[in-house]
Each structure stands twice: as structure tokens, then as C-alpha cells.
Protein backbone atom coordinates (compact mmCIF):
# COMPACT_ATOMS: atom_id res chain seq x y z
CA MET A 1 -0.13 0.09 0.10
CA MET A 2 2.70 2.63 0.93
CA GLN A 3 4.52 1.54 -2.54
CA ALA A 4 1.61 2.42 -4.45
CA PHE A 5 1.19 5.57 -2.51
CA LEU A 6 4.49 6.41 -3.36
CA VAL A 7 4.47 6.08 -6.57
CA ALA A 8 1.26 7.70 -7.44
CA LEU A 9 2.48 10.86 -5.24
CA VAL A 10 5.56 11.07 -7.24
CA GLY A 11 3.66 10.82 -10.29
CA SER A 12 0.80 13.19 -9.47
CA LEU A 13 3.46 15.99 -7.99
CA CYS A 14 6.04 15.57 -10.98
CA TYR A 15 2.86 16.57 -13.22
CA MET A 16 1.95 19.45 -10.98
CA GLU A 17 5.16 20.72 -10.72
CA SER A 18 5.03 21.88 -14.33
CA ARG A 19 1.36 23.42 -13.46
CA LEU A 20 2.57 25.15 -10.79
CA GLY A 21 6.04 25.69 -10.60
CA GLY A 22 7.01 26.53 -13.99
CA GLN A 23 7.80 24.29 -16.80
CA HIS A 24 10.77 22.26 -16.05
CA MET A 25 10.09 18.92 -18.12
CA LEU A 26 9.99 17.19 -14.92
CA ASP A 27 6.74 15.44 -16.07
CA ARG A 28 8.12 13.82 -18.67
CA PRO A 29 9.11 10.26 -18.83
CA ILE A 30 13.02 9.98 -18.83
CA ILE A 31 12.61 11.44 -15.53
CA ILE A 32 9.41 9.78 -13.92
CA ALA A 33 10.32 6.17 -14.74
CA PRO A 34 13.83 6.23 -12.89
CA LEU A 35 12.09 7.87 -9.71
CA ILE A 36 9.49 5.30 -9.93
CA GLY A 37 12.35 2.64 -10.75
CA LEU A 38 14.11 4.24 -7.45
CA ILE A 39 10.89 3.78 -5.17
CA MET A 40 10.06 0.08 -6.59
CA GLY A 41 14.10 -0.87 -5.52
CA ASP A 42 14.99 -1.37 -9.53
CA PHE A 43 16.48 2.19 -10.88
CA GLN A 44 18.22 0.29 -13.28
CA THR A 45 14.34 -1.19 -15.01
CA GLY A 46 13.13 2.48 -14.58
CA LEU A 47 15.97 4.29 -15.98
CA ILE A 48 15.97 2.03 -19.54
CA LEU A 49 11.69 2.38 -19.63
CA GLY A 50 12.07 6.01 -19.30
CA GLY A 51 14.30 6.26 -22.07
CA GLN A 52 12.38 4.14 -24.37
CA LEU A 53 9.04 5.87 -23.42
CA GLU A 54 10.58 9.59 -24.11
CA LEU A 55 11.84 8.30 -27.31
CA VAL A 56 7.94 7.12 -27.92
CA TRP A 57 6.23 10.30 -26.64
CA MET A 58 9.01 12.85 -27.35
CA GLY A 59 6.71 14.29 -30.47
CA LEU A 60 3.56 14.34 -28.57
CA VAL A 61 2.38 17.64 -27.89
CA GLY A 62 -1.12 19.00 -26.53
CA ILE A 63 -1.83 22.23 -28.87
CA GLY A 64 -4.90 24.04 -28.08
CA THR A 65 -8.17 22.18 -26.48
CA THR A 66 -6.23 19.16 -27.65
CA THR A 67 -5.50 16.34 -24.88
CA PRO A 68 -3.11 13.76 -26.05
CA PRO A 69 -2.58 10.31 -23.93
CA ASP A 70 -1.68 10.57 -20.40
CA VAL A 71 2.12 10.54 -20.30
CA VAL A 72 2.59 11.16 -16.83
CA VAL A 73 -0.04 8.11 -15.65
CA GLY A 74 1.66 5.59 -18.60
CA SER A 75 4.91 6.29 -17.64
CA ALA A 76 4.40 6.08 -13.88
CA LEU A 77 1.99 3.39 -13.78
CA ALA A 78 4.10 1.00 -17.17
CA THR A 79 7.17 1.41 -14.67
CA ALA A 80 5.43 0.42 -11.62
CA LEU A 81 3.74 -2.91 -13.46
CA ALA A 82 7.21 -3.65 -15.01
CA ILE A 83 8.80 -3.95 -12.09
CA ASN A 84 6.41 -5.60 -10.03
CA THR A 85 5.64 -8.23 -12.46
CA GLY A 86 9.08 -8.78 -13.56
CA ALA A 87 7.66 -8.72 -17.36
CA ASN A 88 10.42 -7.82 -19.84
CA TRP A 89 10.69 -3.91 -20.85
CA GLN A 90 9.79 -4.49 -24.27
CA THR A 91 6.16 -5.97 -23.27
CA THR A 92 5.56 -3.03 -20.60
CA LEU A 93 6.58 -0.52 -23.32
CA THR A 94 3.06 -1.75 -25.48
CA LEU A 95 0.84 -1.66 -22.40
CA ALA A 96 2.23 1.57 -21.49
CA ILE A 97 0.46 2.81 -24.59
CA PRO A 98 -3.21 1.57 -23.79
CA ILE A 99 -2.62 2.77 -19.80
CA ALA A 100 -2.12 6.36 -21.64
CA LEU A 101 -5.43 6.14 -23.84
CA VAL A 102 -7.43 5.49 -20.71
CA ALA A 103 -5.94 7.65 -18.51
CA GLN A 104 -6.53 10.09 -21.14
CA ILE A 105 -9.91 9.71 -20.49
CA VAL A 106 -9.78 10.71 -16.80
CA ALA A 107 -7.53 14.01 -17.71
CA ILE A 108 -10.74 15.18 -20.23
CA ALA A 109 -13.16 14.53 -17.34
CA GLY A 110 -10.87 16.13 -15.03
CA GLY A 111 -10.09 19.34 -16.97
CA SER A 112 -13.87 19.73 -17.41
CA PHE A 113 -14.42 19.92 -13.82
CA ASN A 114 -11.75 22.09 -13.88
CA ALA A 115 -13.70 24.62 -16.24
CA ILE A 116 -16.05 25.18 -13.43
CA PHE A 117 -13.77 26.43 -10.67
CA ALA A 118 -12.41 28.74 -13.41
CA HIS A 119 -15.81 30.23 -14.10
CA TYR A 120 -16.03 30.78 -10.31
CA ALA A 121 -13.06 32.14 -10.17
CA ASP A 122 -13.58 34.65 -12.87
CA ASN A 123 -16.77 35.22 -11.15
CA GLN A 124 -14.93 36.23 -7.71
CA VAL A 125 -12.84 38.42 -9.83
CA SER A 126 -15.65 40.76 -10.82
CA LYS A 127 -17.05 40.79 -7.21
CA GLY A 128 -13.33 41.55 -5.99
CA ASN A 129 -13.25 38.39 -3.76
CA TRP A 130 -9.41 37.70 -4.00
CA LYS A 131 -9.91 34.80 -1.12
CA GLY A 132 -12.42 33.07 -3.57
CA VAL A 133 -10.13 33.88 -6.92
CA ALA A 134 -7.16 31.46 -4.65
CA VAL A 135 -10.26 28.79 -3.63
CA GLY A 136 -10.85 28.18 -7.22
CA GLN A 137 -7.17 28.09 -8.26
CA TRP A 138 -6.38 25.69 -5.39
CA ALA A 139 -9.65 23.78 -5.81
CA GLY A 140 -8.83 23.51 -10.26
CA SER A 141 -5.12 22.27 -9.14
CA THR A 142 -6.27 19.76 -6.67
CA ILE A 143 -8.88 17.93 -9.41
CA MET A 144 -6.00 18.14 -11.64
CA PHE A 145 -3.75 16.53 -9.07
CA LEU A 146 -6.64 13.74 -8.38
CA SER A 147 -6.73 13.25 -11.99
CA LYS A 148 -3.55 11.61 -12.00
CA PHE A 149 -2.84 10.39 -8.11
CA ILE A 150 -6.33 8.06 -8.52
CA PRO A 151 -5.27 6.57 -11.78
CA ILE A 152 -2.34 5.71 -10.85
CA ILE A 153 -3.12 4.16 -7.20
CA ILE A 154 -5.83 2.41 -8.30
CA GLY A 155 -4.07 0.73 -11.43
CA PHE A 156 -1.20 0.08 -9.35
CA MET A 157 -3.05 -1.66 -6.45
CA VAL A 158 -5.82 -3.55 -8.90
CA GLY A 159 -3.73 -3.90 -12.28
CA ALA A 160 -0.41 -5.87 -10.61
CA PRO A 161 -1.84 -9.38 -10.16
CA ALA A 162 -3.95 -8.66 -13.19
CA ILE A 163 -1.30 -7.85 -15.23
CA LYS A 164 1.00 -10.70 -14.30
CA LEU A 165 -1.71 -12.99 -14.68
CA PHE A 166 -2.23 -11.58 -18.00
CA VAL A 167 1.65 -11.51 -18.97
CA ASN A 168 1.87 -15.08 -17.78
CA SER A 169 -0.97 -16.55 -19.89
CA ILE A 170 0.44 -14.42 -23.13
CA PRO A 171 2.02 -17.29 -25.31
CA LYS A 172 5.79 -17.07 -26.04
CA VAL A 173 5.26 -16.06 -29.54
CA VAL A 174 3.04 -13.37 -29.06
CA GLN A 175 5.29 -12.02 -26.35
CA ASP A 176 8.08 -12.36 -28.77
CA GLY A 177 5.86 -10.30 -30.67
CA LEU A 178 5.05 -7.73 -28.86
CA ALA A 179 8.86 -7.55 -27.72
CA GLN A 180 9.43 -6.50 -31.77
CA SER A 181 6.78 -3.97 -31.36
CA GLY A 182 8.22 -2.27 -28.38
CA ASN A 183 11.21 -2.22 -30.14
CA LEU A 184 9.68 -0.48 -33.20
CA LEU A 185 7.66 2.34 -30.39
CA PRO A 186 11.13 4.62 -30.02
CA ALA A 187 11.61 4.21 -33.57
CA LEU A 188 8.04 5.51 -34.17
CA GLY A 189 8.42 8.25 -32.01
CA ILE A 190 11.80 9.65 -33.44
CA ALA A 191 9.42 9.75 -37.14
CA MET A 192 6.96 11.73 -35.39
CA LEU A 193 9.54 14.33 -34.08
CA MET A 194 11.29 14.19 -37.38
CA GLN A 195 8.09 15.56 -39.14
CA LEU A 196 7.91 18.74 -36.85
CA THR A 197 11.56 19.88 -37.02
CA TYR A 198 13.03 17.96 -40.30
CA ASP A 199 14.78 20.49 -42.20
CA LYS A 200 16.74 19.64 -45.90
CA LYS A 201 19.61 22.16 -44.74
CA TYR A 202 20.61 20.12 -41.78
CA SER A 203 19.79 17.05 -43.33
CA PRO A 204 23.38 15.96 -43.75
CA PHE A 205 23.96 16.12 -39.67
CA LEU A 206 21.26 13.24 -39.58
CA PHE A 207 22.64 11.01 -41.85
CA LEU A 208 26.14 11.69 -40.67
CA GLY A 209 25.19 10.71 -36.96
CA PHE A 210 22.97 7.44 -38.06
CA SER A 211 26.25 6.64 -40.38
CA LEU A 212 28.26 6.99 -37.18
CA VAL A 213 26.15 4.81 -35.15
CA ALA A 214 24.94 2.12 -37.59
CA PHE A 215 28.71 1.81 -39.89
CA LEU A 216 30.98 2.63 -37.20
CA LYS A 217 29.39 1.75 -34.27
CA VAL A 218 30.34 4.75 -32.34
CA PRO A 219 28.26 4.82 -29.07
CA MET A 220 25.49 7.30 -28.37
CA ILE A 221 27.00 9.16 -26.05
CA GLY A 222 30.13 9.11 -28.69
CA ALA A 223 27.65 10.90 -31.38
CA ALA A 224 26.31 13.26 -29.44
CA MET A 225 29.85 14.46 -28.46
CA PHE A 226 30.50 14.48 -32.17
CA GLY A 227 27.12 16.18 -32.24
CA ALA A 228 28.17 19.16 -29.87
CA ILE A 229 31.57 19.44 -31.48
CA ILE A 230 30.22 20.07 -34.38
CA ALA A 231 27.59 22.25 -33.48
CA PHE A 232 30.43 24.57 -31.88
CA ILE A 233 32.53 25.12 -35.07
CA TYR A 234 28.95 25.69 -37.07
CA TYR A 235 28.25 28.24 -34.80
CA GLN A 236 31.48 29.60 -34.84
CA PHE A 237 31.58 29.92 -38.67
CA LYS A 238 27.94 31.56 -38.35
CA HIS A 239 29.30 34.17 -36.02
CA GLN A 240 32.39 35.01 -38.35
CA GLU A 241 30.00 35.19 -41.29
CA GLN A 242 27.60 37.49 -39.46
CA GLU A 243 30.63 39.86 -37.94
CA GLU A 244 32.03 40.03 -41.53
CA VAL A 245 28.39 41.36 -42.92
CA LEU A 246 28.27 43.90 -40.21
């Protein structure tokens, strides 16, 4: 019970920090999953899942009134269930997507209730009741907190035995298929991000990074260091050109 409470609390606080304390990106899978792993006593699995889930969802952005799949609940609950059930991370990665989609419905419902408190706060502003404005603000924030806390704690307490039974009942051939699907999901996430950021002008750098890893077997940290050096050199030449123009 205490573990379920801590998992739900950490996930919810990470979400609320970006809503109340400024956008520091603490509500991302790469932050949430390792923290959950630390609570569950398996930091390594949390770190692996956090990195994989970040690749899946890194291009996912809620624009305007759209509500994307709930990355916070999906990351926290999937990581906790993976460690609790002993399922491999590839299988759990494929379960994180439906968990996030179900949690999305709860998030939409919570947002609807939140609108009530927003209108209440507006009415209090017209009356000059600043304490009422604070009540509306914190009541709405409480609803947002509970919209994450409740699904995570219920999913952890009810879902762990059910997920474990479900995973154990899956034939090996299906588990192998889920594992391969899990391997493809990060690539899909990167492809979604490239749709938004791809630029022909900088495409040689993309293929250079791919070549370093695929053909020369340079590790990811090494490729990142090459990228940082190239970016620095590019900035120096660009800055020099601008000074010559001036």
C-alpha cells in the first residue's frame, strides 16, 4: 500500500510541478520512470523504460484544446507494473500506450471539472473577492492532482496481479511479437518528431549521426559528443560570417 501511495504521489507531483512551479520538464517519462524505479528498488529498469518511453512520446504535444495520451500516468504505472510483475521492458512498453489512452479519458473528465472552478474564479474577480479566486485556483489544481493520483494508485493496486496473470498467460510467440513491437515504438516516436523538425538544410548532420552509429559502431554518447563539437564549429563559422557582414 505504501509503495502504491509513493508511486502515485511522485507521478502526480511531477505533473503538478510543471503546472504550478514552471515548465521544468519534470513530467517527462525520462524523469518519472527512473524515480518510480528508485521507489520500487529497481532503478536500472526505470532508467531503461524512461529512455524508451521518452523516445515514443517525445514528439507528442498537446496543442490548443487537444488532450494527448496521458504520458504521466502511462509512464508511472507502466514502470511500476513492469518492476512489480517482472515482465520484460519491451512487453511493458506496449502496455504503456493503452494505459496512457485510458488515463486520457480521466484527464479530459478532470479538465471538465476544472472549467467549473475557472468560471468560479472569474466570478470572484468581478466581485473583488481575492480569497475566492484563490479557492477556485487551488480547487482546480486539486482536481488536476487527483486526476493523476487516483488512476495511478488504483491501477497499481488492482492492475499488478491482473497484469501479472495476463502476461503469464500470453503465449511465447505473442510475447516475442510484443517485444518486437516494443523495439519499433521508439523509432516511431523519433519519426513523429522528425516530421516536425526535419529540415533539408541540416539533413547531412542527421545522416552523419546515423552513419556514425550504424556503420562505425560509435556509442550514443560518442555521437552526442560529435554533434556538440559540430554544433560549436558551425556556430563559430556562422558568427564569423555575421561579423563580416556587419
